[in-house]
């Protein structure tokens, strides 16, 4: 999973720019690792099933994070050609195994890390536009938004893992 990645300064990149990239990279890797640890406590069935009739499954949240990163960073900054089907991220009942979904998330995080490593001093303030983030106007802000979004959904994942843990504890009592 996450490895320590240090962006060196170079042409068009000051130490401050490297610090910004490294800070974002640190958190994206940390979030990636946390998702893997949390998912490791779930069976494949629990990963894809909702413990409550409302909300999302852990797996759907993983698909949603992957779609978010692939679209806002991969497609819009790295020109990956990714086409997002946001609705499917929440309605897919099961999209392969837990490991396959996590691998897709890992690929999305790797795209973000590569993109962050490519940013120089001028890139952070480049104009940014994408559907769904009308209040984001530059690259720095979309990286920040995507990081916050990822972290937000980890909170939901923690809640889901606790729900499955509580269900297992009450079924054995």
N, C-alpha and C. Protein backbone atom coordinates (compact mmCIF):
# COMPACT_ATOMS: atom_id res chain seq x y z
N UNK A 1 0.83 -1.16 0.00
CA UNK A 1 0.00 0.00 0.00
C UNK A 1 0.89 1.24 0.00
N UNK A 2 0.53 2.22 0.81
CA UNK A 2 1.21 3.50 0.81
C UNK A 2 2.68 3.40 1.16
N UNK A 3 3.48 3.99 0.33
CA UNK A 3 4.90 4.09 0.61
C UNK A 3 5.23 5.56 0.76
N UNK A 4 6.25 5.84 1.54
CA UNK A 4 6.65 7.22 1.71
C UNK A 4 7.16 7.75 0.37
N UNK A 5 6.60 8.82 -0.10
CA UNK A 5 6.93 9.40 -1.39
C UNK A 5 7.38 10.82 -1.13
N UNK A 6 8.55 11.15 -1.54
CA UNK A 6 9.07 12.51 -1.34
C UNK A 6 9.28 13.14 -2.72
N UNK A 7 8.65 14.26 -2.91
CA UNK A 7 8.81 15.01 -4.15
C UNK A 7 10.03 15.91 -4.02
N UNK A 8 10.93 15.78 -4.94
CA UNK A 8 12.11 16.65 -4.88
C UNK A 8 11.82 17.94 -5.63
N UNK A 9 12.56 18.95 -5.24
CA UNK A 9 12.41 20.19 -5.98
C UNK A 9 13.22 20.05 -7.27
N UNK A 10 12.79 20.72 -8.28
CA UNK A 10 13.47 20.66 -9.57
C UNK A 10 13.03 21.85 -10.40
N UNK A 11 13.19 21.76 -11.73
CA UNK A 11 12.77 22.87 -12.59
C UNK A 11 11.29 23.19 -12.38
N UNK A 12 11.02 24.45 -12.06
CA UNK A 12 9.65 24.88 -11.87
C UNK A 12 9.03 24.45 -10.55
N UNK A 13 9.86 23.88 -9.67
CA UNK A 13 9.33 23.36 -8.42
C UNK A 13 10.21 23.83 -7.26
N UNK A 14 9.60 24.61 -6.36
CA UNK A 14 10.33 25.06 -5.19
C UNK A 14 10.11 24.07 -4.06
N UNK A 15 10.79 24.32 -2.97
CA UNK A 15 10.63 23.48 -1.80
C UNK A 15 9.18 23.54 -1.29
N UNK A 16 8.57 24.71 -1.36
CA UNK A 16 7.18 24.85 -0.90
C UNK A 16 6.26 23.97 -1.74
N UNK A 17 6.45 23.96 -3.04
CA UNK A 17 5.63 23.13 -3.92
C UNK A 17 5.80 21.65 -3.57
N UNK A 18 7.04 21.24 -3.30
CA UNK A 18 7.30 19.85 -2.91
C UNK A 18 6.64 19.53 -1.57
N UNK A 19 6.65 20.47 -0.65
CA UNK A 19 6.01 20.27 0.65
C UNK A 19 4.50 20.08 0.48
N UNK A 20 3.90 20.88 -0.38
CA UNK A 20 2.46 20.76 -0.63
C UNK A 20 2.16 19.37 -1.20
N UNK A 21 2.88 18.98 -2.23
CA UNK A 21 2.65 17.67 -2.85
C UNK A 21 2.87 16.55 -1.85
N UNK A 22 3.97 16.62 -1.10
CA UNK A 22 4.27 15.57 -0.12
C UNK A 22 3.18 15.48 0.96
N UNK A 23 2.64 16.62 1.38
CA UNK A 23 1.58 16.61 2.38
C UNK A 23 0.35 15.89 1.87
N UNK A 24 -0.07 16.23 0.65
CA UNK A 24 -1.22 15.55 0.06
C UNK A 24 -0.93 14.06 -0.13
N UNK A 25 0.24 13.74 -0.64
CA UNK A 25 0.59 12.33 -0.88
C UNK A 25 0.54 11.54 0.43
N UNK A 26 1.07 12.11 1.50
CA UNK A 26 1.04 11.45 2.80
C UNK A 26 -0.38 11.08 3.19
N UNK A 27 -1.30 12.02 3.06
CA UNK A 27 -2.68 11.76 3.48
C UNK A 27 -3.39 10.79 2.56
N UNK A 28 -3.19 10.90 1.25
CA UNK A 28 -3.83 9.93 0.35
C UNK A 28 -3.33 8.51 0.66
N UNK A 29 -2.04 8.35 0.93
CA UNK A 29 -1.52 7.03 1.28
C UNK A 29 -2.05 6.56 2.63
N UNK A 30 -2.13 7.46 3.59
CA UNK A 30 -2.66 7.10 4.90
C UNK A 30 -4.13 6.66 4.78
N UNK A 31 -4.92 7.38 4.03
CA UNK A 31 -6.33 7.03 3.85
C UNK A 31 -6.46 5.69 3.14
N UNK A 32 -5.63 5.46 2.14
CA UNK A 32 -5.62 4.19 1.42
C UNK A 32 -5.33 3.04 2.39
N UNK A 33 -4.31 3.22 3.21
CA UNK A 33 -3.95 2.18 4.19
C UNK A 33 -5.09 1.93 5.18
N UNK A 34 -5.75 2.99 5.63
CA UNK A 34 -6.86 2.85 6.59
C UNK A 34 -8.02 2.07 5.98
N UNK A 35 -8.32 2.33 4.73
CA UNK A 35 -9.40 1.59 4.06
C UNK A 35 -9.04 0.11 3.99
N UNK A 36 -7.80 -0.21 3.67
CA UNK A 36 -7.39 -1.62 3.61
C UNK A 36 -7.50 -2.29 4.98
N UNK A 37 -7.09 -1.61 6.02
CA UNK A 37 -7.19 -2.18 7.37
C UNK A 37 -8.66 -2.41 7.74
N UNK A 38 -9.49 -1.43 7.51
CA UNK A 38 -10.91 -1.56 7.82
C UNK A 38 -11.55 -2.67 7.00
N UNK A 39 -11.25 -2.72 5.71
CA UNK A 39 -11.83 -3.75 4.83
C UNK A 39 -11.36 -5.14 5.23
N UNK A 40 -10.17 -5.22 5.79
CA UNK A 40 -9.62 -6.51 6.19
C UNK A 40 -10.43 -7.20 7.28
N UNK A 41 -11.24 -6.43 7.99
CA UNK A 41 -12.07 -7.01 9.07
C UNK A 41 -13.40 -7.54 8.54
N UNK A 42 -13.69 -7.31 7.26
CA UNK A 42 -14.98 -7.69 6.69
C UNK A 42 -14.85 -8.89 5.76
N UNK A 43 -15.88 -9.73 5.76
CA UNK A 43 -15.95 -10.78 4.76
C UNK A 43 -16.33 -10.14 3.43
N UNK A 44 -16.22 -10.87 2.35
CA UNK A 44 -16.63 -10.34 1.04
C UNK A 44 -18.11 -9.97 1.06
N UNK A 45 -18.93 -10.79 1.71
CA UNK A 45 -20.36 -10.50 1.81
C UNK A 45 -20.62 -9.21 2.59
N UNK A 46 -19.96 -9.04 3.73
CA UNK A 46 -20.14 -7.83 4.53
C UNK A 46 -19.65 -6.59 3.77
N UNK A 47 -18.59 -6.74 3.01
CA UNK A 47 -18.03 -5.64 2.23
C UNK A 47 -19.08 -5.07 1.27
N UNK A 48 -19.89 -5.95 0.66
CA UNK A 48 -20.85 -5.53 -0.35
C UNK A 48 -22.27 -5.33 0.15
N UNK A 49 -22.57 -5.81 1.34
CA UNK A 49 -23.93 -5.71 1.85
C UNK A 49 -24.05 -4.57 2.83
N UNK A 50 -25.23 -3.94 2.86
CA UNK A 50 -25.50 -2.85 3.80
C UNK A 50 -25.95 -3.44 5.13
N UNK A 51 -25.37 -3.00 6.25
CA UNK A 51 -25.85 -3.49 7.54
C UNK A 51 -27.18 -2.85 7.95
N UNK A 52 -27.54 -1.79 7.25
CA UNK A 52 -28.79 -1.08 7.51
C UNK A 52 -29.51 -0.89 6.17
N UNK A 53 -30.82 -0.72 6.19
CA UNK A 53 -31.54 -0.53 4.92
C UNK A 53 -31.22 0.81 4.25
N UNK A 54 -30.66 1.74 4.95
CA UNK A 54 -30.29 3.04 4.39
C UNK A 54 -28.77 3.09 4.21
N UNK A 55 -28.30 4.07 3.52
CA UNK A 55 -26.86 4.28 3.36
C UNK A 55 -26.26 3.39 2.28
N UNK A 56 -24.97 3.24 2.36
CA UNK A 56 -24.20 2.50 1.36
C UNK A 56 -23.45 1.35 2.00
N UNK A 57 -23.04 0.42 1.17
CA UNK A 57 -22.17 -0.64 1.65
C UNK A 57 -20.73 -0.11 1.64
N UNK A 58 -19.86 -0.79 2.34
CA UNK A 58 -18.44 -0.46 2.34
C UNK A 58 -17.92 -0.51 0.90
N UNK A 59 -18.32 -1.55 0.17
CA UNK A 59 -17.87 -1.71 -1.22
C UNK A 59 -18.30 -0.55 -2.10
N UNK A 60 -19.55 -0.10 -1.92
CA UNK A 60 -20.02 1.05 -2.72
C UNK A 60 -19.23 2.30 -2.40
N UNK A 61 -18.85 2.47 -1.14
CA UNK A 61 -18.03 3.63 -0.79
C UNK A 61 -16.65 3.54 -1.44
N UNK A 62 -16.09 2.34 -1.51
CA UNK A 62 -14.79 2.15 -2.18
C UNK A 62 -14.93 2.49 -3.67
N UNK A 63 -16.01 2.01 -4.30
CA UNK A 63 -16.24 2.35 -5.71
C UNK A 63 -16.41 3.85 -5.89
N UNK A 64 -17.10 4.49 -4.96
CA UNK A 64 -17.34 5.93 -5.04
C UNK A 64 -16.03 6.72 -4.90
N UNK A 65 -15.19 6.34 -3.97
CA UNK A 65 -13.89 7.01 -3.81
C UNK A 65 -13.06 6.84 -5.07
N UNK A 66 -13.05 5.62 -5.61
CA UNK A 66 -12.29 5.35 -6.83
C UNK A 66 -12.80 6.21 -7.98
N UNK A 67 -14.12 6.27 -8.14
CA UNK A 67 -14.70 7.09 -9.21
C UNK A 67 -14.39 8.56 -9.03
N UNK A 68 -14.47 9.03 -7.80
CA UNK A 68 -14.19 10.43 -7.50
C UNK A 68 -12.76 10.79 -7.89
N UNK A 69 -11.80 9.99 -7.46
CA UNK A 69 -10.39 10.28 -7.75
C UNK A 69 -10.08 10.12 -9.24
N UNK A 70 -10.63 9.06 -9.84
CA UNK A 70 -10.39 8.84 -11.27
C UNK A 70 -10.97 9.95 -12.14
N UNK A 71 -12.10 10.50 -11.71
CA UNK A 71 -12.70 11.57 -12.50
C UNK A 71 -12.03 12.92 -12.24
N UNK A 72 -12.01 13.36 -10.99
CA UNK A 72 -11.54 14.71 -10.70
C UNK A 72 -10.04 14.90 -10.90
N UNK A 73 -9.26 13.85 -10.66
CA UNK A 73 -7.81 13.97 -10.85
C UNK A 73 -7.39 13.27 -12.15
N UNK A 74 -7.77 11.99 -12.28
CA UNK A 74 -7.35 11.21 -13.44
C UNK A 74 -7.83 11.80 -14.76
N UNK A 75 -9.13 12.00 -14.87
CA UNK A 75 -9.69 12.49 -16.12
C UNK A 75 -9.43 13.98 -16.33
N UNK A 76 -9.67 14.78 -15.32
CA UNK A 76 -9.64 16.23 -15.48
C UNK A 76 -8.23 16.84 -15.46
N UNK A 77 -7.30 16.21 -14.74
CA UNK A 77 -5.93 16.76 -14.69
C UNK A 77 -4.97 15.91 -15.53
N UNK A 78 -5.08 14.59 -15.40
CA UNK A 78 -4.14 13.71 -16.10
C UNK A 78 -4.63 13.25 -17.47
N UNK A 79 -5.84 13.68 -17.85
CA UNK A 79 -6.40 13.33 -19.17
C UNK A 79 -6.40 11.83 -19.43
N UNK A 80 -6.83 11.06 -18.42
CA UNK A 80 -6.83 9.60 -18.51
C UNK A 80 -7.94 9.06 -19.41
N UNK A 81 -8.95 9.87 -19.69
CA UNK A 81 -10.07 9.40 -20.49
C UNK A 81 -11.13 8.68 -19.68
N UNK A 82 -10.96 8.65 -18.36
CA UNK A 82 -11.93 7.98 -17.49
C UNK A 82 -13.30 8.64 -17.64
N UNK A 83 -14.32 7.81 -17.81
CA UNK A 83 -15.70 8.29 -17.87
C UNK A 83 -16.42 7.77 -16.64
N UNK A 84 -16.94 8.68 -15.87
CA UNK A 84 -17.55 8.33 -14.59
C UNK A 84 -19.04 8.03 -14.72
N UNK A 85 -19.45 6.97 -14.03
CA UNK A 85 -20.86 6.66 -13.87
C UNK A 85 -21.14 6.72 -12.37
N UNK A 86 -21.33 7.92 -11.87
CA UNK A 86 -21.47 8.15 -10.42
C UNK A 86 -22.63 7.36 -9.83
N UNK A 87 -23.73 7.30 -10.53
CA UNK A 87 -24.91 6.59 -10.02
C UNK A 87 -24.59 5.11 -9.78
N UNK A 88 -23.83 4.50 -10.69
CA UNK A 88 -23.47 3.09 -10.56
C UNK A 88 -22.60 2.83 -9.33
N UNK A 89 -21.81 3.82 -8.94
CA UNK A 89 -20.97 3.66 -7.75
C UNK A 89 -21.81 3.35 -6.51
N UNK A 90 -23.04 3.83 -6.49
CA UNK A 90 -23.91 3.62 -5.34
C UNK A 90 -24.93 2.51 -5.54
N UNK A 91 -25.18 2.12 -6.77
CA UNK A 91 -26.22 1.12 -7.02
C UNK A 91 -25.66 -0.26 -7.32
N UNK A 92 -24.38 -0.36 -7.64
CA UNK A 92 -23.76 -1.64 -7.92
C UNK A 92 -23.90 -2.53 -6.69
N UNK A 93 -24.54 -3.68 -6.86
CA UNK A 93 -24.75 -4.58 -5.72
C UNK A 93 -23.45 -5.28 -5.36
N UNK A 94 -22.74 -5.76 -6.34
CA UNK A 94 -21.42 -6.33 -6.11
C UNK A 94 -20.66 -6.23 -7.41
N UNK A 95 -19.50 -5.63 -7.35
CA UNK A 95 -18.68 -5.45 -8.53
C UNK A 95 -17.39 -6.23 -8.33
N UNK A 96 -17.45 -7.55 -8.49
CA UNK A 96 -16.28 -8.39 -8.28
C UNK A 96 -16.04 -8.63 -6.80
N UNK A 97 -14.86 -9.04 -6.48
CA UNK A 97 -14.52 -9.33 -5.10
C UNK A 97 -14.06 -8.07 -4.36
N UNK A 98 -14.00 -8.21 -3.08
CA UNK A 98 -13.48 -7.13 -2.23
C UNK A 98 -12.08 -6.73 -2.70
N UNK A 99 -11.24 -7.73 -2.98
CA UNK A 99 -9.87 -7.45 -3.39
C UNK A 99 -9.81 -6.69 -4.72
N UNK A 100 -10.73 -7.02 -5.64
CA UNK A 100 -10.75 -6.31 -6.92
C UNK A 100 -11.16 -4.85 -6.74
N UNK A 101 -12.15 -4.61 -5.89
CA UNK A 101 -12.58 -3.23 -5.64
C UNK A 101 -11.47 -2.43 -4.98
N UNK A 102 -10.77 -3.05 -4.02
CA UNK A 102 -9.67 -2.36 -3.36
C UNK A 102 -8.52 -2.09 -4.32
N UNK A 103 -8.29 -3.01 -5.25
CA UNK A 103 -7.23 -2.81 -6.26
C UNK A 103 -7.58 -1.62 -7.15
N UNK A 104 -8.87 -1.45 -7.49
CA UNK A 104 -9.29 -0.29 -8.29
C UNK A 104 -9.04 1.00 -7.52
N UNK A 105 -9.32 0.97 -6.21
CA UNK A 105 -9.06 2.15 -5.39
C UNK A 105 -7.55 2.44 -5.36
N UNK A 106 -6.75 1.38 -5.22
CA UNK A 106 -5.29 1.55 -5.19
C UNK A 106 -4.79 2.19 -6.49
N UNK A 107 -5.36 1.77 -7.61
CA UNK A 107 -4.98 2.35 -8.90
C UNK A 107 -5.35 3.83 -8.95
N UNK A 108 -6.51 4.17 -8.42
CA UNK A 108 -6.93 5.58 -8.41
C UNK A 108 -6.01 6.41 -7.53
N UNK A 109 -5.65 5.88 -6.37
CA UNK A 109 -4.72 6.60 -5.47
C UNK A 109 -3.36 6.74 -6.15
N UNK A 110 -2.91 5.71 -6.85
CA UNK A 110 -1.63 5.80 -7.56
C UNK A 110 -1.67 6.89 -8.62
N UNK A 111 -2.80 7.04 -9.29
CA UNK A 111 -2.96 8.12 -10.28
C UNK A 111 -2.84 9.48 -9.61
N UNK A 112 -3.47 9.62 -8.44
CA UNK A 112 -3.41 10.89 -7.71
C UNK A 112 -1.98 11.19 -7.29
N UNK A 113 -1.29 10.19 -6.76
CA UNK A 113 0.08 10.38 -6.30
C UNK A 113 1.00 10.77 -7.46
N UNK A 114 0.83 10.09 -8.59
CA UNK A 114 1.62 10.45 -9.78
C UNK A 114 1.33 11.88 -10.19
N UNK A 115 0.05 12.24 -10.19
CA UNK A 115 -0.34 13.59 -10.57
C UNK A 115 0.26 14.63 -9.63
N UNK A 116 0.19 14.35 -8.35
CA UNK A 116 0.77 15.28 -7.37
C UNK A 116 2.27 15.44 -7.59
N UNK A 117 2.93 14.36 -7.91
CA UNK A 117 4.38 14.41 -8.17
C UNK A 117 4.73 15.23 -9.39
N UNK A 118 3.76 15.40 -10.29
CA UNK A 118 3.99 16.17 -11.52
C UNK A 118 3.74 17.66 -11.36
N UNK A 119 3.13 18.09 -10.27
CA UNK A 119 2.75 19.49 -10.11
C UNK A 119 3.97 20.36 -9.80
N UNK A 120 4.09 21.45 -10.51
CA UNK A 120 5.14 22.41 -10.19
C UNK A 120 4.49 23.68 -9.63
N UNK A 121 5.28 24.67 -9.34
CA UNK A 121 4.78 25.88 -8.68
C UNK A 121 3.61 26.54 -9.41
N UNK A 122 3.66 26.56 -10.71
CA UNK A 122 2.60 27.23 -11.47
C UNK A 122 1.34 26.37 -11.59
N UNK A 123 1.48 25.07 -11.50
CA UNK A 123 0.34 24.17 -11.69
C UNK A 123 -0.72 24.30 -10.61
N UNK A 124 -0.32 24.56 -9.37
CA UNK A 124 -1.28 24.60 -8.25
C UNK A 124 -2.39 25.62 -8.49
N UNK A 125 -2.05 26.71 -9.17
CA UNK A 125 -3.05 27.79 -9.37
C UNK A 125 -3.71 27.73 -10.75
N UNK A 126 -3.42 26.71 -11.53
CA UNK A 126 -4.07 26.61 -12.84
C UNK A 126 -5.58 26.49 -12.68
N UNK A 127 -6.31 27.10 -13.61
CA UNK A 127 -7.77 27.03 -13.57
C UNK A 127 -8.22 25.58 -13.61
N UNK A 128 -9.28 25.32 -12.87
CA UNK A 128 -9.85 23.98 -12.82
C UNK A 128 -11.36 24.08 -12.92
N UNK A 129 -11.93 23.20 -13.74
CA UNK A 129 -13.38 23.12 -13.83
C UNK A 129 -13.77 21.67 -14.03
N UNK A 130 -14.79 21.23 -13.32
CA UNK A 130 -15.38 19.91 -13.53
C UNK A 130 -16.81 19.94 -13.01
N UNK A 131 -17.65 19.14 -13.61
CA UNK A 131 -19.04 19.02 -13.17
C UNK A 131 -19.05 18.49 -11.74
N UNK A 132 -19.83 19.13 -10.89
CA UNK A 132 -19.98 18.67 -9.52
C UNK A 132 -19.16 19.41 -8.49
N UNK A 133 -18.25 20.24 -8.95
CA UNK A 133 -17.42 21.03 -8.01
C UNK A 133 -17.34 22.48 -8.51
N UNK A 134 -18.49 23.08 -8.61
CA UNK A 134 -18.56 24.44 -9.16
C UNK A 134 -17.81 25.48 -8.32
N UNK A 135 -17.56 25.18 -7.05
CA UNK A 135 -16.86 26.13 -6.19
C UNK A 135 -15.35 25.92 -6.19
N UNK A 136 -14.84 24.95 -6.94
CA UNK A 136 -13.40 24.69 -7.04
C UNK A 136 -12.90 25.37 -8.30
N UNK A 137 -11.86 26.21 -8.14
CA UNK A 137 -11.39 27.00 -9.28
C UNK A 137 -9.93 26.81 -9.62
N UNK A 138 -9.20 26.00 -8.83
CA UNK A 138 -7.79 25.78 -9.14
C UNK A 138 -7.39 24.36 -8.73
N UNK A 139 -6.25 23.92 -9.19
CA UNK A 139 -5.80 22.55 -8.92
C UNK A 139 -5.56 22.28 -7.43
N UNK A 140 -4.96 23.23 -6.74
CA UNK A 140 -4.74 23.02 -5.32
C UNK A 140 -6.06 22.67 -4.63
N UNK A 141 -7.10 23.41 -4.96
CA UNK A 141 -8.39 23.23 -4.32
C UNK A 141 -9.02 21.88 -4.64
N UNK A 142 -8.81 21.34 -5.86
CA UNK A 142 -9.41 20.03 -6.16
C UNK A 142 -8.67 18.92 -5.43
N UNK A 143 -7.36 19.05 -5.28
CA UNK A 143 -6.64 18.05 -4.49
C UNK A 143 -7.12 18.10 -3.03
N UNK A 144 -7.30 19.30 -2.52
CA UNK A 144 -7.80 19.46 -1.15
C UNK A 144 -9.20 18.88 -1.02
N UNK A 145 -10.07 19.19 -1.97
CA UNK A 145 -11.44 18.69 -1.94
C UNK A 145 -11.46 17.16 -2.00
N UNK A 146 -10.67 16.57 -2.87
CA UNK A 146 -10.64 15.11 -3.00
C UNK A 146 -10.09 14.46 -1.73
N UNK A 147 -9.10 15.08 -1.12
CA UNK A 147 -8.57 14.56 0.14
C UNK A 147 -9.63 14.60 1.23
N UNK A 148 -10.33 15.72 1.36
CA UNK A 148 -11.40 15.84 2.36
C UNK A 148 -12.52 14.84 2.10
N UNK A 149 -12.88 14.67 0.86
CA UNK A 149 -13.92 13.73 0.47
C UNK A 149 -13.55 12.30 0.86
N UNK A 150 -12.34 11.92 0.58
CA UNK A 150 -11.82 10.59 0.92
C UNK A 150 -11.93 10.39 2.44
N UNK A 151 -11.44 11.37 3.18
CA UNK A 151 -11.45 11.28 4.65
C UNK A 151 -12.88 11.18 5.19
N UNK A 152 -13.79 11.94 4.63
CA UNK A 152 -15.20 11.90 5.04
C UNK A 152 -15.76 10.48 4.92
N UNK A 153 -15.47 9.83 3.82
CA UNK A 153 -16.02 8.49 3.62
C UNK A 153 -15.33 7.44 4.49
N UNK A 154 -14.13 7.69 4.93
CA UNK A 154 -13.50 6.78 5.88
C UNK A 154 -14.30 6.77 7.18
N UNK A 155 -14.81 7.92 7.59
CA UNK A 155 -15.66 7.97 8.78
C UNK A 155 -16.88 7.08 8.62
N UNK A 156 -17.48 7.09 7.45
CA UNK A 156 -18.63 6.22 7.19
C UNK A 156 -18.21 4.75 7.20
N UNK A 157 -17.03 4.46 6.69
CA UNK A 157 -16.54 3.08 6.68
C UNK A 157 -16.31 2.57 8.10
N UNK A 158 -15.78 3.43 8.95
CA UNK A 158 -15.57 3.05 10.35
C UNK A 158 -16.92 2.70 10.98
N UNK A 159 -17.93 3.49 10.70
CA UNK A 159 -19.28 3.24 11.21
C UNK A 159 -19.80 1.89 10.72
N UNK A 160 -19.59 1.57 9.45
CA UNK A 160 -20.04 0.30 8.90
C UNK A 160 -19.32 -0.89 9.53
N UNK A 161 -18.02 -0.76 9.71
CA UNK A 161 -17.26 -1.85 10.35
C UNK A 161 -17.76 -2.08 11.77
N UNK A 162 -18.03 -1.00 12.50
CA UNK A 162 -18.57 -1.14 13.86
C UNK A 162 -19.95 -1.80 13.83
N UNK A 163 -20.77 -1.47 12.84
CA UNK A 163 -22.10 -2.07 12.73
C UNK A 163 -21.98 -3.58 12.52
N UNK A 164 -21.08 -3.99 11.65
CA UNK A 164 -20.90 -5.44 11.41
C UNK A 164 -20.32 -6.11 12.64
N UNK A 165 -19.42 -5.45 13.34
CA UNK A 165 -18.86 -6.00 14.57
C UNK A 165 -19.92 -6.16 15.63
N UNK A 166 -20.77 -5.13 15.79
CA UNK A 166 -21.86 -5.20 16.77
C UNK A 166 -22.85 -6.30 16.41
N UNK A 167 -23.14 -6.46 15.12
CA UNK A 167 -24.06 -7.52 14.68
C UNK A 167 -23.50 -8.89 15.02
N UNK A 168 -22.19 -9.05 14.83
CA UNK A 168 -21.55 -10.35 15.13
C UNK A 168 -21.58 -10.60 16.64
N UNK A 169 -21.35 -9.56 17.44
CA UNK A 169 -21.34 -9.72 18.90
C UNK A 169 -22.72 -10.01 19.45
N UNK A 170 -23.75 -9.40 18.90
CA UNK A 170 -25.11 -9.63 19.41
C UNK A 170 -25.67 -10.96 18.93
N UNK A 171 -25.18 -11.49 17.82
CA UNK A 171 -25.69 -12.77 17.33
C UNK A 171 -25.12 -13.94 18.12
N UNK A 172 -24.01 -13.72 18.82
CA UNK A 172 -23.41 -14.80 19.60
C UNK A 172 -23.81 -14.77 21.06
N UNK A 173 -24.52 -13.69 21.48
CA UNK A 173 -24.94 -13.56 22.88
C UNK A 173 -26.16 -14.38 23.18
